[in-house]
Amino acid sequence: MVGLLHYNGEEPEYKDGKFRRWVKVREAMTPEQRKDERQKRSKPILDDFFAWVESLYAAPKSKLAKAIDYAKNEKVYLSRFLEDGRIPISNNRAENAIRPYVVGRKNWLFNITEGGAENQAILYSIVNTAKANGLNVEEYFTKIFSSEPGTIIMPW
């Protein structure tokens, strides 16, 4: 999309009309700048959307009626990003962070013991803590398992 403004200082890069990656093009906006920009650019679009939703009519108990009611009931929450520049406009990062667990959930049903499930949860926690701190997970595990028992090795 030409002209797409991302408030974190990144813009999409396209090749042959297809999205390739996000490219840092400027410094990210401060939360206050982001809030002001959202008020100027996003609020009118959201206001138009909710005005349109209010004008819709659908047969009671239809799927469209449920969607309309959902939008009306969630207006406060769907608009919250306009009030605070620290709130991300989407939850893509959170969705992507939990995707491996959602996909793997069926496999975890087959943990034979409670202890096995607990150990698996501990390992996943260590892996994600290492990733969150920018560490090479394999090197971090090697360091943990090659140290003396009882040694605490923090990832930061």
C-alpha atoms as a PDB file:
ATOM      1  CA  MET A   1       0.000   0.000   0.000  1.00  0.00           C
ATOM      2  CA  VAL A   2       1.479   3.261  -1.055  1.00  0.00           C
ATOM      3  CA  GLY A   3       1.377   5.873   1.657  1.00  0.00           C
ATOM      4  CA  LEU A   4       0.777   3.443   4.490  1.00  0.00           C
ATOM      5  CA  LEU A   5       2.033   5.150   7.620  1.00  0.00           C
ATOM      6  CA  HIS A   6       3.314   2.964  10.375  1.00  0.00           C
ATOM      7  CA  TYR A   7       3.815   4.832  13.580  1.00  0.00           C
ATOM      8  CA  ASN A   8       6.689   2.619  14.673  1.00  0.00           C
ATOM      9  CA  GLY A   9       8.916   4.077  11.952  1.00  0.00           C
ATOM     10  CA  GLU A  10       8.620   1.122   9.584  1.00  0.00           C
ATOM     11  CA  GLU A  11       7.037   0.936   6.174  1.00  0.00           C
ATOM     12  CA  PRO A  12       6.273  -2.072   4.010  1.00  0.00           C
ATOM     13  CA  GLU A  13       8.674  -2.991   1.234  1.00  0.00           C
ATOM     14  CA  TYR A  14       7.194  -4.584  -1.863  1.00  0.00           C
ATOM     15  CA  LYS A  15       8.778  -6.488  -4.744  1.00  0.00           C
ATOM     16  CA  ASP A  16       6.754  -7.339  -7.848  1.00  0.00           C
ATOM     17  CA  GLY A  17       3.654  -6.086  -6.071  1.00  0.00           C
ATOM     18  CA  LYS A  18       4.105  -8.488  -3.147  1.00  0.00           C
ATOM     19  CA  PHE A  19       4.952  -7.632   0.428  1.00  0.00           C
ATOM     20  CA  ARG A  20       8.532  -8.599   1.357  1.00  0.00           C
ATOM     21  CA  ARG A  21       9.325  -7.133   4.771  1.00  0.00           C
ATOM     22  CA  TRP A  22       9.077  -4.127   7.054  1.00  0.00           C
ATOM     23  CA  VAL A  23      11.850  -1.554   6.611  1.00  0.00           C
ATOM     24  CA  LYS A  24      12.886   1.036   9.192  1.00  0.00           C
ATOM     25  CA  VAL A  25      12.597   4.427   7.475  1.00  0.00           C
ATOM     26  CA  ARG A  26      12.512   6.869  10.370  1.00  0.00           C
ATOM     27  CA  GLU A  27      12.452   7.053  14.131  1.00  0.00           C
ATOM     28  CA  ALA A  28       9.334   5.757  15.782  1.00  0.00           C
ATOM     29  CA  MET A  29       6.833   8.317  16.999  1.00  0.00           C
ATOM     30  CA  THR A  30       6.469   9.061  20.671  1.00  0.00           C
ATOM     31  CA  PRO A  31       3.242   7.822  22.250  1.00  0.00           C
ATOM     32  CA  GLU A  32       1.884  11.381  22.291  1.00  0.00           C
ATOM     33  CA  GLN A  33       2.682  11.887  18.585  1.00  0.00           C
ATOM     34  CA  ARG A  34       1.109   8.509  17.810  1.00  0.00           C
ATOM     35  CA  LYS A  35      -2.055   9.473  19.719  1.00  0.00           C
ATOM     36  CA  ASP A  36      -2.309  12.806  17.870  1.00  0.00           C
ATOM     37  CA  GLU A  37      -1.787  11.115  14.504  1.00  0.00           C
ATOM     38  CA  ARG A  38      -4.415   8.487  15.305  1.00  0.00           C
ATOM     39  CA  GLN A  39      -6.890  11.186  16.320  1.00  0.00           C
ATOM     40  CA  LYS A  40      -6.274  12.945  13.019  1.00  0.00           C
ATOM     41  CA  ARG A  41      -6.185   9.926  10.668  1.00  0.00           C
ATOM     42  CA  SER A  42      -7.887   6.938  12.304  1.00  0.00           C
ATOM     43  CA  LYS A  43     -10.690   8.517  14.320  1.00  0.00           C
ATOM     44  CA  PRO A  44     -12.636   9.798  11.274  1.00  0.00           C
ATOM     45  CA  ILE A  45     -12.472   6.345   9.680  1.00  0.00           C
ATOM     46  CA  LEU A  46     -13.626   4.657  12.877  1.00  0.00           C
ATOM     47  CA  ASP A  47     -16.419   7.224  13.322  1.00  0.00           C
ATOM     48  CA  ASP A  48     -17.612   6.564   9.760  1.00  0.00           C
ATOM     49  CA  PHE A  49     -17.506   2.813  10.380  1.00  0.00           C
ATOM     50  CA  PHE A  50     -19.629   3.022  13.525  1.00  0.00           C
ATOM     51  CA  ALA A  51     -22.082   5.424  11.852  1.00  0.00           C
ATOM     52  CA  TRP A  52     -22.450   2.836   9.072  1.00  0.00           C
ATOM     53  CA  VAL A  53     -22.907   0.031  11.633  1.00  0.00           C
ATOM     54  CA  GLU A  54     -25.651   2.044  13.348  1.00  0.00           C
ATOM     55  CA  SER A  55     -27.459   2.470  10.023  1.00  0.00           C
ATOM     56  CA  LEU A  56     -27.559  -1.260   9.296  1.00  0.00           C
ATOM     57  CA  TYR A  57     -30.562  -3.430   9.823  1.00  0.00           C
ATOM     58  CA  ALA A  58     -30.533  -7.199   9.817  1.00  0.00           C
ATOM     59  CA  ALA A  59     -33.076  -9.868  10.589  1.00  0.00           C
ATOM     60  CA  PRO A  60     -32.984 -10.717  14.290  1.00  0.00           C
ATOM     61  CA  LYS A  61     -30.876 -13.745  15.204  1.00  0.00           C
ATOM     62  CA  SER A  62     -29.113 -13.716  11.816  1.00  0.00           C
ATOM     63  CA  LYS A  63     -25.341 -13.852  11.594  1.00  0.00           C
ATOM     64  CA  LEU A  64     -25.293 -10.275  10.315  1.00  0.00           C
ATOM     65  CA  ALA A  65     -27.341  -9.131  13.322  1.00  0.00           C
ATOM     66  CA  LYS A  66     -24.868 -10.847  15.630  1.00  0.00           C
ATOM     67  CA  ALA A  67     -21.953  -9.119  13.866  1.00  0.00           C
ATOM     68  CA  ILE A  68     -23.695  -5.739  14.128  1.00  0.00           C
ATOM     69  CA  ASP A  69     -24.425  -6.255  17.827  1.00  0.00           C
ATOM     70  CA  TYR A  70     -20.825  -7.331  18.410  1.00  0.00           C
ATOM     71  CA  ALA A  71     -19.459  -4.173  16.761  1.00  0.00           C
ATOM     72  CA  LYS A  72     -21.843  -1.972  18.748  1.00  0.00           C
ATOM     73  CA  ASN A  73     -21.060  -3.697  22.047  1.00  0.00           C
ATOM     74  CA  GLU A  74     -17.305  -3.591  21.484  1.00  0.00           C
ATOM     75  CA  LYS A  75     -17.088   0.014  20.264  1.00  0.00           C
ATOM     76  CA  VAL A  76     -15.404   1.227  23.450  1.00  0.00           C
ATOM     77  CA  TYR A  77     -12.742  -1.485  23.239  1.00  0.00           C
ATOM     78  CA  LEU A  78     -12.248  -1.214  19.474  1.00  0.00           C
ATOM     79  CA  SER A  79     -11.672   2.537  19.892  1.00  0.00           C
ATOM     80  CA  ARG A  80      -9.332   2.379  22.855  1.00  0.00           C
ATOM     81  CA  PHE A  81      -6.162   2.640  20.725  1.00  0.00           C
ATOM     82  CA  LEU A  82      -7.211   6.219  19.888  1.00  0.00           C
ATOM     83  CA  GLU A  83      -6.917   7.278  23.535  1.00  0.00           C
ATOM     84  CA  ASP A  84      -3.391   6.084  24.281  1.00  0.00           C
ATOM     85  CA  GLY A  85      -0.450   6.077  21.879  1.00  0.00           C
ATOM     86  CA  ARG A  86       1.182   3.223  23.790  1.00  0.00           C
ATOM     87  CA  ILE A  87      -1.550   0.790  22.808  1.00  0.00           C
ATOM     88  CA  PRO A  88      -0.671  -1.121  19.645  1.00  0.00           C
ATOM     89  CA  ILE A  89      -3.189  -0.781  16.842  1.00  0.00           C
ATOM     90  CA  SER A  90      -3.232  -4.545  16.359  1.00  0.00           C
ATOM     91  CA  ASN A  91      -2.379  -7.592  18.392  1.00  0.00           C
ATOM     92  CA  ASN A  92      -0.330  -9.260  15.633  1.00  0.00           C
ATOM     93  CA  ARG A  93       2.786  -9.552  17.798  1.00  0.00           C
ATOM     94  CA  ALA A  94       0.861 -11.285  20.570  1.00  0.00           C
ATOM     95  CA  GLU A  95      -0.889 -13.550  18.062  1.00  0.00           C
ATOM     96  CA  ASN A  96       2.408 -14.510  16.454  1.00  0.00           C
ATOM     97  CA  ALA A  97       4.007 -15.136  19.838  1.00  0.00           C
ATOM     98  CA  ILE A  98       1.337 -17.633  20.902  1.00  0.00           C
ATOM     99  CA  ARG A  99       0.863 -19.308  17.513  1.00  0.00           C
ATOM    100  CA  PRO A 100       3.364 -22.140  18.174  1.00  0.00           C
ATOM    101  CA  TYR A 101       1.485 -23.068  21.334  1.00  0.00           C
ATOM    102  CA  VAL A 102      -1.901 -23.009  19.678  1.00  0.00           C
ATOM    103  CA  VAL A 103      -0.641 -25.167  16.821  1.00  0.00           C
ATOM    104  CA  GLY A 104       1.108 -27.544  19.210  1.00  0.00           C
ATOM    105  CA  ARG A 105      -1.775 -27.755  21.652  1.00  0.00           C
ATOM    106  CA  LYS A 106      -3.121 -31.012  20.201  1.00  0.00           C
ATOM    107  CA  ASN A 107       0.282 -32.657  20.559  1.00  0.00           C
ATOM    108  CA  TRP A 108       0.469 -31.666  24.200  1.00  0.00           C
ATOM    109  CA  LEU A 109      -2.729 -33.505  24.976  1.00  0.00           C
ATOM    110  CA  PHE A 110      -0.664 -36.663  24.798  1.00  0.00           C
ATOM    111  CA  ASN A 111       1.649 -35.877  27.692  1.00  0.00           C
ATOM    112  CA  ILE A 112       1.374 -39.067  29.705  1.00  0.00           C
ATOM    113  CA  THR A 113       2.081 -37.578  33.101  1.00  0.00           C
ATOM    114  CA  GLU A 114       1.453 -34.287  34.814  1.00  0.00           C
ATOM    115  CA  GLY A 115       5.190 -34.054  35.517  1.00  0.00           C
ATOM    116  CA  GLY A 116       5.962 -34.389  31.803  1.00  0.00           C
ATOM    117  CA  ALA A 117       3.554 -31.585  30.975  1.00  0.00           C
ATOM    118  CA  GLU A 118       5.079 -29.401  33.700  1.00  0.00           C
ATOM    119  CA  ASN A 119       8.620 -30.058  32.421  1.00  0.00           C
ATOM    120  CA  GLN A 120       7.537 -29.205  28.904  1.00  0.00           C
ATOM    121  CA  ALA A 121       6.040 -25.923  30.130  1.00  0.00           C
ATOM    122  CA  ILE A 122       9.289 -25.088  31.954  1.00  0.00           C
ATOM    123  CA  LEU A 123      11.342 -25.722  28.817  1.00  0.00           C
ATOM    124  CA  TYR A 124       9.050 -23.571  26.672  1.00  0.00           C
ATOM    125  CA  SER A 125       9.285 -20.819  29.272  1.00  0.00           C
ATOM    126  CA  ILE A 126      13.100 -20.935  29.190  1.00  0.00           C
ATOM    127  CA  VAL A 127      13.116 -20.917  25.372  1.00  0.00           C
ATOM    128  CA  ASN A 128      10.857 -17.863  25.180  1.00  0.00           C
ATOM    129  CA  THR A 129      12.746 -16.023  27.905  1.00  0.00           C
ATOM    130  CA  ALA A 130      15.973 -16.553  25.976  1.00  0.00           C
ATOM    131  CA  LYS A 131      14.342 -15.387  22.739  1.00  0.00           C
ATOM    132  CA  ALA A 132      12.863 -12.330  24.434  1.00  0.00           C
ATOM    133  CA  ASN A 133      16.345 -11.394  25.647  1.00  0.00           C
ATOM    134  CA  GLY A 134      17.901 -11.828  22.203  1.00  0.00           C
ATOM    135  CA  LEU A 135      19.916 -14.935  23.073  1.00  0.00           C
ATOM    136  CA  ASN A 136      20.776 -17.909  20.908  1.00  0.00           C
ATOM    137  CA  VAL A 137      18.536 -20.554  22.496  1.00  0.00           C
ATOM    138  CA  GLU A 138      20.860 -23.459  21.755  1.00  0.00           C
ATOM    139  CA  GLU A 139      23.862 -21.678  23.289  1.00  0.00           C
ATOM    140  CA  TYR A 140      21.774 -20.687  26.321  1.00  0.00           C
ATOM    141  CA  PHE A 141      20.666 -24.289  26.919  1.00  0.00           C
ATOM    142  CA  THR A 142      24.256 -25.490  26.485  1.00  0.00           C
ATOM    143  CA  LYS A 143      25.394 -22.973  29.097  1.00  0.00           C
ATOM    144  CA  ILE A 144      22.601 -23.978  31.485  1.00  0.00           C
ATOM    145  CA  PHE A 145      23.161 -27.726  31.192  1.00  0.00           C
ATOM    146  CA  SER A 146      26.962 -27.537  31.331  1.00  0.00           C
ATOM    147  CA  SER A 147      27.048 -25.472  34.518  1.00  0.00           C
ATOM    148  CA  GLU A 148      27.158 -26.817  38.067  1.00  0.00           C
ATOM    149  CA  PRO A 149      23.808 -27.999  39.439  1.00  0.00           C
ATOM    150  CA  GLY A 150      22.084 -25.254  41.404  1.00  0.00           C
ATOM    151  CA  THR A 151      23.805 -22.460  39.429  1.00  0.00           C
ATOM    152  CA  ILE A 152      21.351 -19.766  38.400  1.00  0.00           C
ATOM    153  CA  ILE A 153      22.049 -18.373  34.940  1.00  0.00           C
ATOM    154  CA  MET A 154      19.893 -15.401  34.103  1.00  0.00           C
ATOM    155  CA  PRO A 155      19.358 -14.569  30.410  1.00  0.00           C
ATOM    156  CA  TRP A 156      19.959 -10.833  30.833  1.00  0.00           C
END
